[in-house]
């Protein structure tokens, strides 16, 4: 039972709880912050992957 098995009803429940806890004025700010964090994380993982593949190519060329 992982996060992949939450389903639509679970996501709706989480959104309703977040709306109650944070209020409607804070949710767009929180969504924007989470989105930018995920974008930065994705870019960082791509950079790490490209750095590793570059190092593997250099070591195989020697």
PDB file of N, CA and C in Angstrom:
ATOM      1  N   UNK A   1       0.837  -1.186   0.000  1.00  0.00           N
ATOM      2  CA  UNK A   1       0.000   0.000   0.000  1.00  0.00           C
ATOM      3  C   UNK A   1       0.875   1.240   0.000  1.00  0.00           C
ATOM      4  N   UNK A   2       1.096   1.802  -1.156  1.00  0.00           N
ATOM      5  CA  UNK A   2       1.927   2.992  -1.254  1.00  0.00           C
ATOM      6  C   UNK A   2       1.097   4.207  -1.603  1.00  0.00           C
ATOM      7  N   UNK A   3       1.792   5.260  -1.958  1.00  0.00           N
ATOM      8  CA  UNK A   3       1.099   6.490  -2.327  1.00  0.00           C
ATOM      9  C   UNK A   3       0.355   6.345  -3.643  1.00  0.00           C
ATOM     10  N   UNK A   4       0.731   5.400  -4.451  1.00  0.00           N
ATOM     11  CA  UNK A   4       0.067   5.191  -5.731  1.00  0.00           C
ATOM     12  C   UNK A   4      -1.341   4.661  -5.599  1.00  0.00           C
ATOM     13  N   UNK A   5      -1.706   4.157  -4.446  1.00  0.00           N
ATOM     14  CA  UNK A   5      -3.033   3.584  -4.260  1.00  0.00           C
ATOM     15  C   UNK A   5      -3.992   4.510  -3.530  1.00  0.00           C
ATOM     16  N   UNK A   6      -3.689   5.809  -3.482  1.00  0.00           N
ATOM     17  CA  UNK A   6      -4.577   6.756  -2.799  1.00  0.00           C
ATOM     18  C   UNK A   6      -5.893   6.873  -3.557  1.00  0.00           C
ATOM     19  N   UNK A   7      -5.855   7.111  -4.829  1.00  0.00           N
ATOM     20  CA  UNK A   7      -7.063   7.228  -5.629  1.00  0.00           C
ATOM     21  C   UNK A   7      -7.659   8.621  -5.583  1.00  0.00           C
ATOM     22  N   UNK A   8      -8.682   8.815  -6.395  1.00  0.00           N
ATOM     23  CA  UNK A   8      -9.348  10.113  -6.505  1.00  0.00           C
ATOM     24  C   UNK A   8     -10.058  10.503  -5.205  1.00  0.00           C
ATOM     25  N   UNK A   9     -10.817   9.611  -4.571  1.00  0.00           N
ATOM     26  CA  UNK A   9     -11.484  10.022  -3.321  1.00  0.00           C
ATOM     27  C   UNK A   9     -10.498  10.447  -2.232  1.00  0.00           C
ATOM     28  N   UNK A  10      -9.364   9.791  -2.156  1.00  0.00           N
ATOM     29  CA  UNK A  10      -8.346  10.160  -1.179  1.00  0.00           C
ATOM     30  C   UNK A  10      -7.748  11.526  -1.467  1.00  0.00           C
ATOM     31  N   UNK A  11      -7.500  11.811  -2.738  1.00  0.00           N
ATOM     32  CA  UNK A  11      -6.971  13.124  -3.110  1.00  0.00           C
ATOM     33  C   UNK A  11      -7.964  14.238  -2.813  1.00  0.00           C
ATOM     34  N   UNK A  12      -9.241  13.972  -3.073  1.00  0.00           N
ATOM     35  CA  UNK A  12     -10.268  14.969  -2.761  1.00  0.00           C
ATOM     36  C   UNK A  12     -10.320  15.228  -1.266  1.00  0.00           C
ATOM     37  N   UNK A  13     -10.238  14.172  -0.469  1.00  0.00           N
ATOM     38  CA  UNK A  13     -10.243  14.323   0.990  1.00  0.00           C
ATOM     39  C   UNK A  13      -9.035  15.131   1.463  1.00  0.00           C
ATOM     40  N   UNK A  14      -7.865  14.868   0.901  1.00  0.00           N
ATOM     41  CA  UNK A  14      -6.657  15.617   1.262  1.00  0.00           C
ATOM     42  C   UNK A  14      -6.812  17.097   0.896  1.00  0.00           C
ATOM     43  N   UNK A  15      -7.378  17.380  -0.279  1.00  0.00           N
ATOM     44  CA  UNK A  15      -7.584  18.775  -0.691  1.00  0.00           C
ATOM     45  C   UNK A  15      -8.582  19.486   0.219  1.00  0.00           C
ATOM     46  N   UNK A  16      -9.629  18.798   0.640  1.00  0.00           N
ATOM     47  CA  UNK A  16     -10.607  19.407   1.546  1.00  0.00           C
ATOM     48  C   UNK A  16      -9.960  19.710   2.895  1.00  0.00           C
ATOM     49  N   UNK A  17      -9.166  18.792   3.403  1.00  0.00           N
ATOM     50  CA  UNK A  17      -8.481  19.013   4.682  1.00  0.00           C
ATOM     51  C   UNK A  17      -7.502  20.178   4.554  1.00  0.00           C
ATOM     52  N   UNK A  18      -6.767  20.245   3.441  1.00  0.00           N
ATOM     53  CA  UNK A  18      -5.833  21.355   3.228  1.00  0.00           C
ATOM     54  C   UNK A  18      -6.580  22.681   3.144  1.00  0.00           C
ATOM     55  N   UNK A  19      -7.745  22.680   2.517  1.00  0.00           N
ATOM     56  CA  UNK A  19      -8.544  23.899   2.426  1.00  0.00           C
ATOM     57  C   UNK A  19      -8.998  24.359   3.806  1.00  0.00           C
ATOM     58  N   UNK A  20      -9.383  23.416   4.659  1.00  0.00           N
ATOM     59  CA  UNK A  20      -9.810  23.756   6.017  1.00  0.00           C
ATOM     60  C   UNK A  20      -8.633  24.266   6.840  1.00  0.00           C
ATOM     61  N   UNK A  21      -7.491  23.609   6.737  1.00  0.00           N
ATOM     62  CA  UNK A  21      -6.338  23.958   7.569  1.00  0.00           C
ATOM     63  C   UNK A  21      -5.725  25.299   7.136  1.00  0.00           C
ATOM     64  N   UNK A  22      -5.489  25.470   5.847  1.00  0.00           N
ATOM     65  CA  UNK A  22      -4.763  26.645   5.370  1.00  0.00           C
ATOM     66  C   UNK A  22      -5.671  27.787   4.942  1.00  0.00           C
ATOM     67  N   UNK A  23      -6.888  27.507   4.573  1.00  0.00           N
ATOM     68  CA  UNK A  23      -7.795  28.549   4.105  1.00  0.00           C
ATOM     69  C   UNK A  23      -7.639  28.789   2.619  1.00  0.00           C
ATOM     70  N   UNK A  24      -8.673  29.359   2.006  1.00  0.00           N
ATOM     71  CA  UNK A  24      -8.642  29.526   0.543  1.00  0.00           C
ATOM     72  C   UNK A  24      -7.625  30.547   0.052  1.00  0.00           C
ATOM     73  N   UNK A  25      -7.214  31.475   0.896  1.00  0.00           N
ATOM     74  CA  UNK A  25      -6.269  32.494   0.424  1.00  0.00           C
ATOM     75  C   UNK A  25      -4.833  31.970   0.354  1.00  0.00           C
ATOM     76  N   UNK A  26      -4.502  30.983   1.153  1.00  0.00           N
ATOM     77  CA  UNK A  26      -3.129  30.464   1.192  1.00  0.00           C
ATOM     78  C   UNK A  26      -2.887  29.335   0.198  1.00  0.00           C
ATOM     79  N   UNK A  27      -3.935  28.641  -0.244  1.00  0.00           N
ATOM     80  CA  UNK A  27      -3.728  27.475  -1.111  1.00  0.00           C
ATOM     81  C   UNK A  27      -3.006  27.803  -2.423  1.00  0.00           C
ATOM     82  N   UNK A  28      -3.329  28.895  -3.129  1.00  0.00           N
ATOM     83  CA  UNK A  28      -2.564  29.187  -4.358  1.00  0.00           C
ATOM     84  C   UNK A  28      -1.075  29.429  -4.092  1.00  0.00           C
ATOM     85  N   UNK A  29      -0.763  30.081  -2.987  1.00  0.00           N
ATOM     86  CA  UNK A  29       0.641  30.314  -2.638  1.00  0.00           C
ATOM     87  C   UNK A  29       1.355  28.996  -2.356  1.00  0.00           C
ATOM     88  N   UNK A  30       0.691  28.118  -1.625  1.00  0.00           N
ATOM     89  CA  UNK A  30       1.281  26.816  -1.296  1.00  0.00           C
ATOM     90  C   UNK A  30       1.469  25.993  -2.561  1.00  0.00           C
ATOM     91  N   UNK A  31       0.468  26.005  -3.452  1.00  0.00           N
ATOM     92  CA  UNK A  31       0.576  25.274  -4.714  1.00  0.00           C
ATOM     93  C   UNK A  31       1.721  25.775  -5.571  1.00  0.00           C
ATOM     94  N   UNK A  32       1.888  27.089  -5.617  1.00  0.00           N
ATOM     95  CA  UNK A  32       2.986  27.665  -6.397  1.00  0.00           C
ATOM     96  C   UNK A  32       4.335  27.268  -5.816  1.00  0.00           C
ATOM     97  N   UNK A  33       4.441  27.287  -4.484  1.00  0.00           N
ATOM     98  CA  UNK A  33       5.703  26.913  -3.835  1.00  0.00           C
ATOM     99  C   UNK A  33       6.027  25.439  -4.074  1.00  0.00           C
ATOM    100  N   UNK A  34       5.019  24.574  -3.973  1.00  0.00           N
ATOM    101  CA  UNK A  34       5.245  23.144  -4.210  1.00  0.00           C
ATOM    102  C   UNK A  34       5.641  22.904  -5.667  1.00  0.00           C
ATOM    103  N   UNK A  35       4.972  23.581  -6.585  1.00  0.00           N
ATOM    104  CA  UNK A  35       5.299  23.423  -8.007  1.00  0.00           C
ATOM    105  C   UNK A  35       6.713  23.858  -8.337  1.00  0.00           C
ATOM    106  N   UNK A  36       7.131  24.998  -7.784  1.00  0.00           N
ATOM    107  CA  UNK A  36       8.496  25.461  -8.063  1.00  0.00           C
ATOM    108  C   UNK A  36       9.533  24.544  -7.423  1.00  0.00           C
ATOM    109  N   UNK A  37       9.207  24.003  -6.252  1.00  0.00           N
ATOM    110  CA  UNK A  37      10.129  23.060  -5.605  1.00  0.00           C
ATOM    111  C   UNK A  37      10.281  21.790  -6.430  1.00  0.00           C
ATOM    112  N   UNK A  38       9.168  21.276  -6.940  1.00  0.00           N
ATOM    113  CA  UNK A  38       9.242  20.081  -7.781  1.00  0.00           C
ATOM    114  C   UNK A  38      10.020  20.351  -9.071  1.00  0.00           C
ATOM    115  N   UNK A  39       9.847  21.535  -9.638  1.00  0.00           N
ATOM    116  CA  UNK A  39      10.576  21.893 -10.864  1.00  0.00           C
ATOM    117  C   UNK A  39      12.077  21.943 -10.605  1.00  0.00           C
ATOM    118  N   UNK A  40      12.475  22.558  -9.483  1.00  0.00           N
ATOM    119  CA  UNK A  40      13.893  22.623  -9.127  1.00  0.00           C
ATOM    120  C   UNK A  40      14.458  21.233  -8.869  1.00  0.00           C
ATOM    121  N   UNK A  41      13.691  20.386  -8.193  1.00  0.00           N
ATOM    122  CA  UNK A  41      14.143  19.019  -7.919  1.00  0.00           C
ATOM    123  C   UNK A  41      14.330  18.243  -9.215  1.00  0.00           C
ATOM    124  N   UNK A  42      13.389  18.398 -10.141  1.00  0.00           N
ATOM    125  CA  UNK A  42      13.478  17.707 -11.428  1.00  0.00           C
ATOM    126  C   UNK A  42      14.711  18.157 -12.203  1.00  0.00           C
ATOM    127  N   UNK A  43      14.958  19.461 -12.216  1.00  0.00           N
ATOM    128  CA  UNK A  43      16.136  19.981 -12.917  1.00  0.00           C
ATOM    129  C   UNK A  43      17.427  19.496 -12.264  1.00  0.00           C
ATOM    130  N   UNK A  44      17.449  19.439 -10.939  1.00  0.00           N
ATOM    131  CA  UNK A  44      18.648  18.981 -10.234  1.00  0.00           C
ATOM    132  C   UNK A  44      18.924  17.511 -10.528  1.00  0.00           C
ATOM    133  N   UNK A  45      17.883  16.685 -10.575  1.00  0.00           N
ATOM    134  CA  UNK A  45      18.099  15.272 -10.867  1.00  0.00           C
ATOM    135  C   UNK A  45      18.578  15.074 -12.298  1.00  0.00           C
ATOM    136  N   UNK A  46      18.093  15.909 -13.221  1.00  0.00           N
ATOM    137  CA  UNK A  46      18.575  15.817 -14.608  1.00  0.00           C
ATOM    138  C   UNK A  46      20.050  16.190 -14.681  1.00  0.00           C
ATOM    139  N   UNK A  47      20.450  17.243 -13.943  1.00  0.00           N
ATOM    140  CA  UNK A  47      21.848  17.668 -13.943  1.00  0.00           C
ATOM    141  C   UNK A  47      22.748  16.593 -13.344  1.00  0.00           C
ATOM    142  N   UNK A  48      22.295  15.962 -12.273  1.00  0.00           N
ATOM    143  CA  UNK A  48      23.085  14.902 -11.646  1.00  0.00           C
ATOM    144  C   UNK A  48      23.237  13.737 -12.611  1.00  0.00           C
ATOM    145  N   UNK A  49      22.160  13.389 -13.293  1.00  0.00           N
ATOM    146  CA  UNK A  49      22.216  12.296 -14.263  1.00  0.00           C
ATOM    147  C   UNK A  49      23.145  12.600 -15.405  1.00  0.00           C
ATOM    148  N   UNK A  50      23.130  13.834 -15.893  1.00  0.00           N
ATOM    149  CA  UNK A  50      24.017  14.182 -17.011  1.00  0.00           C
ATOM    150  C   UNK A  50      25.466  14.250 -16.547  1.00  0.00           C
ATOM    151  N   UNK A  51      25.698  14.687 -15.304  1.00  0.00           N
ATOM    152  CA  UNK A  51      27.056  14.706 -14.768  1.00  0.00           C
ATOM    153  C   UNK A  51      27.603  13.292 -14.636  1.00  0.00           C
ATOM    154  N   UNK A  52      26.777  12.366 -14.143  1.00  0.00           N
ATOM    155  CA  UNK A  52      27.215  10.986 -13.971  1.00  0.00           C
ATOM    156  C   UNK A  52      27.507  10.330 -15.315  1.00  0.00           C
ATOM    157  N   UNK A  53      26.677  10.576 -16.307  1.00  0.00           N
ATOM    158  CA  UNK A  53      26.911   9.948 -17.607  1.00  0.00           C
ATOM    159  C   UNK A  53      28.166  10.526 -18.260  1.00  0.00           C
ATOM    160  N   UNK A  54      28.437  11.806 -18.021  1.00  0.00           N
ATOM    161  CA  UNK A  54      29.654  12.410 -18.556  1.00  0.00           C
ATOM    162  C   UNK A  54      30.889  11.828 -17.913  1.00  0.00           C
ATOM    163  N   UNK A  55      30.840  11.570 -16.621  1.00  0.00           N
ATOM    164  CA  UNK A  55      31.981  10.982 -15.930  1.00  0.00           C
ATOM    165  C   UNK A  55      32.208   9.546 -16.379  1.00  0.00           C
ATOM    166  N   UNK A  56      31.118   8.807 -16.620  1.00  0.00           N
ATOM    167  CA  UNK A  56      31.270   7.431 -17.079  1.00  0.00           C
ATOM    168  C   UNK A  56      31.880   7.390 -18.475  1.00  0.00           C
ATOM    169  N   UNK A  57      31.510   8.319 -19.336  1.00  0.00           N
ATOM    170  CA  UNK A  57      32.087   8.362 -20.674  1.00  0.00           C
ATOM    171  C   UNK A  57      33.560   8.725 -20.631  1.00  0.00           C
ATOM    172  N   UNK A  58      33.947   9.654 -19.744  1.00  0.00           N
ATOM    173  CA  UNK A  58      35.349  10.037 -19.628  1.00  0.00           C
ATOM    174  C   UNK A  58      36.206   8.889 -19.120  1.00  0.00           C
ATOM    175  N   UNK A  59      35.683   8.148 -18.135  1.00  0.00           N
ATOM    176  CA  UNK A  59      36.477   7.064 -17.565  1.00  0.00           C
ATOM    177  C   UNK A  59      36.601   5.894 -18.536  1.00  0.00           C
ATOM    178  N   UNK A  60      35.589   5.704 -19.397  1.00  0.00           N
ATOM    179  CA  UNK A  60      35.667   4.614 -20.368  1.00  0.00           C
ATOM    180  C   UNK A  60      36.574   4.969 -21.531  1.00  0.00           C
ATOM    181  N   UNK A  61      36.794   6.266 -21.763  1.00  0.00           N
ATOM    182  CA  UNK A  61      37.664   6.699 -22.859  1.00  0.00           C
ATOM    183  C   UNK A  61      39.142   6.587 -22.484  1.00  0.00           C
ATOM    184  N   UNK A  62      39.466   6.521 -21.199  1.00  0.00           N
ATOM    185  CA  UNK A  62      40.871   6.477 -20.755  1.00  0.00           C
ATOM    186  C   UNK A  62      41.474   5.125 -20.915  1.00  0.00           C
TER     187      UNK A  62
END
